[in-house]
């Protein structure tokens, strides 16, 4: 298996999906911008592995923080009626029991102090407040990270 194979399998379940051909890499802030730049109306899928600049002592992982950064970027663009899943293929993200996050256009409004939580790298607490943590069991495999966005507006 590979990340590319996993992205292809995701897109085979939705043949109309737009597939981001370049792996999503680099800092989560930049990656969120790239993902939103490439997100089409409809379904967009991607894979890759990002990084997080650690400034605080909060809990979370790159997928959780990327999910929140995508929510922020989508809000800046005025998007409505969308949902995004960002997760680790192994079922774990950072030193937490979550695999990532499932965010939408209502996520940020459910989090008190999202900016300070992100500044402390506490994406786990932020997503827990919103009820948007992606919780899975261990998958027994690790082929990097995967994301999907469904966007109507």
Protein backbone atom coordinates (compact mmCIF):
# COMPACT_ATOMS: atom_id res chain seq x y z
CA UNK A 1 0.00 0.00 0.00
CA UNK A 2 0.91 3.63 -0.37
CA UNK A 3 -0.62 7.05 0.12
CA UNK A 4 -1.15 7.30 -3.64
CA UNK A 5 -2.99 3.95 -3.67
CA UNK A 6 -5.18 5.09 -0.77
CA UNK A 7 -6.09 8.35 -2.51
CA UNK A 8 -6.93 6.40 -5.67
CA UNK A 9 -9.15 4.03 -3.66
CA UNK A 10 -10.97 7.01 -2.12
CA UNK A 11 -11.56 8.57 -5.53
CA UNK A 12 -12.79 5.27 -6.97
CA UNK A 13 -15.68 5.44 -4.50
CA UNK A 14 -16.62 8.85 -5.98
CA UNK A 15 -15.58 8.84 -9.65
CA UNK A 16 -16.60 12.51 -9.99
CA UNK A 17 -14.14 13.56 -7.27
CA UNK A 18 -11.34 15.99 -8.00
CA UNK A 19 -8.03 14.41 -6.96
CA UNK A 20 -5.25 16.68 -5.80
CA UNK A 21 -2.31 15.27 -7.73
CA UNK A 22 0.42 16.71 -5.53
CA UNK A 23 0.89 15.33 -2.02
CA UNK A 24 -0.05 17.90 0.63
CA UNK A 25 3.14 18.67 2.54
CA UNK A 26 4.71 21.42 4.60
CA UNK A 27 3.33 23.57 7.39
CA UNK A 28 -0.37 23.13 8.16
CA UNK A 29 -1.11 26.85 7.66
CA UNK A 30 0.25 26.72 4.11
CA UNK A 31 -1.30 23.29 3.48
CA UNK A 32 -4.77 24.54 4.46
CA UNK A 33 -4.44 27.34 1.92
CA UNK A 34 -3.34 24.91 -0.82
CA UNK A 35 -6.19 22.53 -0.02
CA UNK A 36 -8.76 25.33 -0.19
CA UNK A 37 -7.19 26.71 -3.39
CA UNK A 38 -7.69 23.28 -5.00
CA UNK A 39 -11.07 22.38 -3.48
CA UNK A 40 -13.77 22.16 -6.10
CA UNK A 41 -17.52 22.38 -5.72
CA UNK A 42 -18.29 18.70 -5.17
CA UNK A 43 -15.75 16.25 -3.76
CA UNK A 44 -12.00 16.77 -3.50
CA UNK A 45 -9.59 14.14 -2.11
CA UNK A 46 -5.91 14.34 -1.24
CA UNK A 47 -3.10 12.69 0.65
CA UNK A 48 0.26 13.63 2.08
CA UNK A 49 1.85 14.47 5.37
CA UNK A 50 2.15 17.94 6.86
CA UNK A 51 4.12 19.45 9.72
CA UNK A 52 3.23 21.69 12.65
CA UNK A 53 5.36 24.43 14.15
CA UNK A 54 5.26 23.80 17.91
CA UNK A 55 4.79 26.99 19.91
CA UNK A 56 2.87 25.67 22.90
CA UNK A 57 2.37 22.67 25.11
CA UNK A 58 -1.15 21.67 24.10
CA UNK A 59 -2.26 18.31 22.79
CA UNK A 60 -3.06 17.47 19.22
CA UNK A 61 -1.54 16.29 16.00
CA UNK A 62 -0.94 17.52 12.49
CA UNK A 63 -4.28 16.22 11.20
CA UNK A 64 -6.27 17.85 13.98
CA UNK A 65 -4.50 21.16 13.49
CA UNK A 66 -4.80 20.94 9.71
CA UNK A 67 -8.54 20.33 10.02
CA UNK A 68 -8.90 23.48 12.13
CA UNK A 69 -6.73 25.50 9.75
CA UNK A 70 -8.91 24.35 6.85
CA UNK A 71 -11.98 25.53 8.79
CA UNK A 72 -10.33 28.93 9.30
CA UNK A 73 -9.31 29.22 5.64
CA UNK A 74 -12.79 28.25 4.43
CA UNK A 75 -14.33 30.83 6.78
CA UNK A 76 -12.00 33.53 5.40
CA UNK A 77 -13.26 32.68 1.93
CA UNK A 78 -16.89 32.88 3.05
CA UNK A 79 -17.64 29.26 2.22
CA UNK A 80 -20.88 27.72 3.44
CA UNK A 81 -22.26 24.21 3.22
CA UNK A 82 -19.08 22.15 3.29
CA UNK A 83 -17.49 19.39 5.38
CA UNK A 84 -13.89 18.14 5.55
CA UNK A 85 -12.36 15.01 7.03
CA UNK A 86 -8.61 15.03 7.68
CA UNK A 87 -7.05 11.99 9.31
CA UNK A 88 -4.09 9.72 9.81
CA UNK A 89 -4.37 6.43 7.96
CA UNK A 90 -3.08 4.59 11.03
CA UNK A 91 -5.99 5.81 13.17
CA UNK A 92 -3.79 7.95 15.45
CA UNK A 93 -2.73 11.58 15.29
CA UNK A 94 0.05 12.86 17.51
CA UNK A 95 0.01 11.81 21.16
CA UNK A 96 -3.80 11.50 21.24
CA UNK A 97 -6.51 8.91 20.81
CA UNK A 98 -7.98 10.79 17.82
CA UNK A 99 -7.12 10.15 14.17
CA UNK A 100 -7.83 13.74 13.11
CA UNK A 101 -10.87 15.95 12.69
CA UNK A 102 -14.13 16.29 10.80
CA UNK A 103 -14.87 20.00 10.42
CA UNK A 104 -17.53 22.04 8.67
CA UNK A 105 -18.82 25.58 8.33
CA UNK A 106 -20.14 25.48 11.92
CA UNK A 107 -17.00 24.17 13.66
CA UNK A 108 -15.37 27.48 14.54
CA UNK A 109 -18.57 28.88 16.10
CA UNK A 110 -18.58 25.97 18.56
CA UNK A 111 -15.06 26.66 19.90
CA UNK A 112 -14.36 29.26 22.58
CA UNK A 113 -10.92 30.81 22.07
CA UNK A 114 -9.88 28.91 18.96
CA UNK A 115 -7.00 31.30 18.25
CA UNK A 116 -5.45 30.87 21.70
CA UNK A 117 -5.94 27.10 21.53
CA UNK A 118 -4.17 26.96 18.18
CA UNK A 119 -1.39 29.25 19.45
CA UNK A 120 -0.85 26.68 22.21
CA UNK A 121 -1.01 23.77 19.72
CA UNK A 122 -4.11 22.51 21.53
CA UNK A 123 -6.12 21.37 18.52
CA UNK A 124 -7.40 18.33 20.44
CA UNK A 125 -9.15 20.55 23.02
CA UNK A 126 -10.55 22.79 20.28
CA UNK A 127 -12.00 19.91 18.26
CA UNK A 128 -13.29 18.24 21.44
CA UNK A 129 -15.25 21.43 22.25
CA UNK A 130 -16.81 21.34 18.80
CA UNK A 131 -17.51 17.60 18.94
CA UNK A 132 -15.44 17.28 15.76
CA UNK A 133 -12.66 14.85 16.68
CA UNK A 134 -12.25 11.92 14.28
CA UNK A 135 -12.14 8.88 16.56
CA UNK A 136 -11.22 5.49 15.12
CA UNK A 137 -9.42 2.44 16.31
CA UNK A 138 -5.93 1.62 15.08
CA UNK A 139 -6.04 0.51 11.46
CA UNK A 140 -2.93 -1.66 11.42
CA UNK A 141 -1.40 0.27 8.55
CA UNK A 142 0.25 3.64 7.99
CA UNK A 143 0.34 5.20 4.54
CA UNK A 144 0.49 8.86 5.65
CA UNK A 145 -2.55 11.13 5.92
CA UNK A 146 -5.76 11.41 3.92
CA UNK A 147 -8.34 14.11 3.41
CA UNK A 148 -11.66 14.63 1.71
CA UNK A 149 -13.80 17.72 1.33
CA UNK A 150 -17.38 17.84 0.17
CA UNK A 151 -18.32 21.36 -0.82
CA UNK A 152 -21.64 22.68 -2.02
CA UNK A 153 -21.00 26.38 -1.54
